[in-house]
Amino acid sequence: MQHLLYQPLLLNGNKYLQQKWDKASYEMHLRKVSGSCFDAKIKGYQQCCMSKIQRENNMLLEKISHIMRTTGRIDNRNDYENKRYSELLRITKENQLILLRLTQCQPHYSIKDWHKDWLKTIKLMESIARYPRRSSDTPNNGPTSESPPTPEPPHTPDTLSTSSRPDSPVKD
């Protein structure tokens, strides 16, 4: 069925003949156009891509030839490896010397003097207290006529030697 606004190329009174001529002219037009339009776009696109690829290849080839002619811009040598190693050795020796000095140093505080001072502090605390201290050893926890036990003096494990531990008796 033909479109109502169809304008024939060659005017003819016969509809069948008109359609045959129009179809023939249209097919001839398609044969002419089919090779030029679509192929032109593809060829142009391929040419563009090929020229771009060729340009990039030339740039890479130029860079590679420049690197082959010269030594290149990157220097991979490490001049600081020996210096870093000697610095590491120096720091290790210093740390060992500091550790040796720390292990050989003697404390400046006398444990006997600390214990005497602690006993004096206990006596002062008992004289100030309103009520006598309770002993946890007695069953009724009441006041006793005996003297209260002395609490343990404060100590740190680093400053105590084996002979002067709080659980061993201190000799003055």
Protein backbone atom coordinates (compact mmCIF):
# COMPACT_ATOMS: atom_id res chain seq x y z
CA MET A 1 0.00 0.00 0.00
CA GLN A 2 1.36 3.35 -0.97
CA HIS A 3 1.41 6.31 1.28
CA LEU A 4 -1.14 9.05 0.61
CA LEU A 5 1.52 11.75 0.36
CA TYR A 6 3.74 9.70 -1.96
CA GLN A 7 5.04 11.72 -4.91
CA PRO A 8 6.07 9.55 -7.88
CA LEU A 9 9.30 10.30 -9.73
CA LEU A 10 7.84 9.66 -13.20
CA LEU A 11 4.18 10.37 -13.70
CA ASN A 12 2.14 7.61 -15.22
CA GLY A 13 -1.53 6.75 -15.23
CA ASN A 14 -0.96 3.09 -14.55
CA LYS A 15 -0.45 2.40 -10.81
CA TYR A 16 1.28 -0.94 -11.38
CA LEU A 17 3.74 0.52 -13.88
CA GLN A 18 4.34 3.53 -11.62
CA GLN A 19 5.18 1.26 -8.68
CA LYS A 20 7.54 -0.86 -10.81
CA TRP A 21 9.47 2.19 -12.05
CA ASP A 22 9.71 3.70 -8.58
CA LYS A 23 10.94 0.42 -7.12
CA ALA A 24 13.59 0.11 -9.83
CA SER A 25 14.81 3.67 -9.29
CA TYR A 26 14.89 3.13 -5.52
CA GLU A 27 16.96 -0.06 -5.86
CA MET A 28 19.36 1.74 -8.19
CA HIS A 29 19.67 4.51 -5.62
CA LEU A 30 20.36 1.96 -2.87
CA ARG A 31 23.09 0.33 -4.99
CA LYS A 32 24.75 3.69 -5.51
CA VAL A 33 24.50 4.78 -1.90
CA SER A 34 25.19 1.46 -0.17
CA GLY A 35 28.89 1.42 -1.04
CA SER A 36 29.56 5.07 -0.37
CA CYS A 37 27.78 6.06 2.84
CA PHE A 38 28.37 3.25 5.24
CA ASP A 39 31.78 2.27 3.93
CA ALA A 40 32.90 5.88 4.00
CA LYS A 41 32.13 6.13 7.69
CA ILE A 42 33.86 2.85 8.45
CA LYS A 43 36.87 3.70 6.32
CA GLY A 44 37.16 7.11 7.89
CA TYR A 45 36.91 5.65 11.38
CA GLN A 46 39.48 2.99 10.56
CA GLN A 47 41.80 5.58 9.08
CA CYS A 48 41.45 7.73 12.18
CA CYS A 49 42.18 4.77 14.46
CA MET A 50 45.12 3.64 12.36
CA SER A 51 46.63 7.13 12.30
CA LYS A 52 46.21 7.41 16.08
CA ILE A 53 47.83 4.00 16.63
CA GLN A 54 50.65 4.86 14.25
CA ARG A 55 51.27 8.18 16.03
CA GLU A 56 51.40 6.42 19.45
CA ASN A 57 53.73 3.76 18.06
CA ASN A 58 56.04 6.46 16.70
CA MET A 59 56.08 8.20 20.09
CA LEU A 60 56.91 4.94 21.88
CA LEU A 61 59.59 4.13 19.33
CA GLU A 62 61.13 7.56 19.86
CA LYS A 63 61.12 7.10 23.64
CA ILE A 64 62.70 3.65 23.40
CA SER A 65 65.37 4.88 21.00
CA HIS A 66 66.13 7.79 23.34
CA ILE A 67 66.51 5.40 26.28
CA MET A 68 68.77 3.14 24.21
CA ARG A 69 70.94 6.11 23.18
CA THR A 70 71.20 7.51 26.72
CA THR A 71 71.16 5.88 30.17
CA GLY A 72 67.61 6.93 30.85
CA ARG A 73 66.24 9.31 33.45
CA ILE A 74 65.93 6.88 36.37
CA ASP A 75 68.96 5.94 38.42
CA ASN A 76 68.30 2.78 40.41
CA ARG A 77 71.57 2.77 42.34
CA ASN A 78 71.26 3.01 46.11
CA ASP A 79 74.23 4.82 47.62
CA TYR A 80 72.75 4.84 51.11
CA GLU A 81 72.66 1.09 51.80
CA ASN A 82 76.09 1.01 53.47
CA LYS A 83 75.34 4.17 55.41
CA ARG A 84 72.04 2.77 56.69
CA TYR A 85 73.74 -0.46 57.75
CA SER A 86 76.50 1.38 59.64
CA GLU A 87 73.87 3.61 61.30
CA LEU A 88 71.95 0.50 62.39
CA LEU A 89 75.13 -0.98 63.90
CA ARG A 90 75.91 2.25 65.75
CA ILE A 91 72.39 2.46 67.23
CA THR A 92 72.53 -1.21 68.26
CA LYS A 93 75.84 -0.68 70.07
CA GLU A 94 74.49 2.40 71.85
CA ASN A 95 71.41 0.48 72.97
CA GLN A 96 73.55 -2.36 74.29
CA LEU A 97 75.70 0.10 76.26
CA ILE A 98 72.62 1.73 77.77
CA LEU A 99 71.22 -1.68 78.71
CA LEU A 100 74.53 -2.64 80.35
CA ARG A 101 74.62 0.59 82.36
CA LEU A 102 71.01 0.11 83.49
CA THR A 103 71.59 -3.47 84.63
CA GLN A 104 74.79 -2.61 86.52
CA CYS A 105 73.55 0.43 88.41
CA GLN A 106 72.83 0.06 92.12
CA PRO A 107 69.84 1.64 93.87
CA HIS A 108 70.49 4.77 95.92
CA TYR A 109 67.83 4.01 98.51
CA SER A 110 68.46 2.00 101.64
CA ILE A 111 65.75 -0.56 102.34
CA LYS A 112 66.64 -0.59 106.05
CA ASP A 113 66.07 3.16 106.27
CA TRP A 114 62.75 2.76 104.49
CA HIS A 115 61.67 0.08 106.96
CA LYS A 116 62.65 2.24 109.97
CA ASP A 117 60.74 5.16 108.51
CA TRP A 118 57.71 2.92 107.94
CA LEU A 119 57.75 1.72 111.55
CA LYS A 120 57.92 5.33 112.75
CA THR A 121 54.95 6.18 110.50
CA ILE A 122 52.94 3.29 111.99
CA LYS A 123 53.65 4.50 115.55
CA LEU A 124 52.52 8.01 114.63
CA MET A 125 49.35 6.67 113.01
CA GLU A 126 48.54 4.67 116.14
CA SER A 127 49.11 7.67 118.41
CA ILE A 128 46.83 9.87 116.30
CA ALA A 129 44.04 7.29 115.88
CA ARG A 130 40.97 7.60 118.12
CA TYR A 131 40.45 3.85 118.28
CA PRO A 132 43.10 1.16 118.22
CA ARG A 133 43.60 -0.78 114.99
CA ARG A 134 41.80 -4.12 114.79
CA SER A 135 43.65 -7.24 113.93
CA SER A 136 42.21 -9.58 111.34
CA ASP A 137 43.94 -12.50 113.14
CA THR A 138 41.69 -12.49 116.24
CA PRO A 139 38.41 -14.45 116.04
CA ASN A 140 36.18 -11.78 117.60
CA ASN A 141 37.85 -8.85 115.87
CA GLY A 142 37.70 -6.92 119.08
CA PRO A 143 40.37 -4.79 120.74
CA THR A 144 43.14 -6.76 122.40
CA SER A 145 45.64 -5.85 125.06
CA GLU A 146 48.48 -7.00 122.85
CA SER A 147 50.20 -4.60 120.53
CA PRO A 148 48.66 -4.42 117.09
CA PRO A 149 50.51 -6.12 114.26
CA THR A 150 52.57 -3.89 112.05
CA PRO A 151 51.35 -3.55 108.48
CA GLU A 152 53.65 -4.40 105.60
CA PRO A 153 55.83 -1.55 104.35
CA PRO A 154 55.30 -0.45 100.79
CA HIS A 155 57.81 -1.97 98.42
CA THR A 156 58.61 -2.31 94.78
CA PRO A 157 60.10 -5.51 93.38
CA ASP A 158 62.88 -3.63 91.56
CA THR A 159 64.42 -2.13 94.70
CA LEU A 160 64.26 -5.14 97.01
CA SER A 161 67.04 -7.68 97.15
CA THR A 162 66.50 -11.33 98.07
CA SER A 163 67.73 -10.85 101.65
CA SER A 164 65.46 -7.89 102.42
CA ARG A 165 62.01 -8.97 101.26
CA PRO A 166 59.01 -7.93 103.35
CA ASP A 167 58.23 -11.52 104.27
CA SER A 168 61.72 -12.07 105.70
CA PRO A 169 62.64 -10.48 109.04
CA VAL A 170 64.62 -7.25 108.78
CA LYS A 171 67.67 -6.97 110.99
CA ASP A 172 68.66 -3.49 112.15
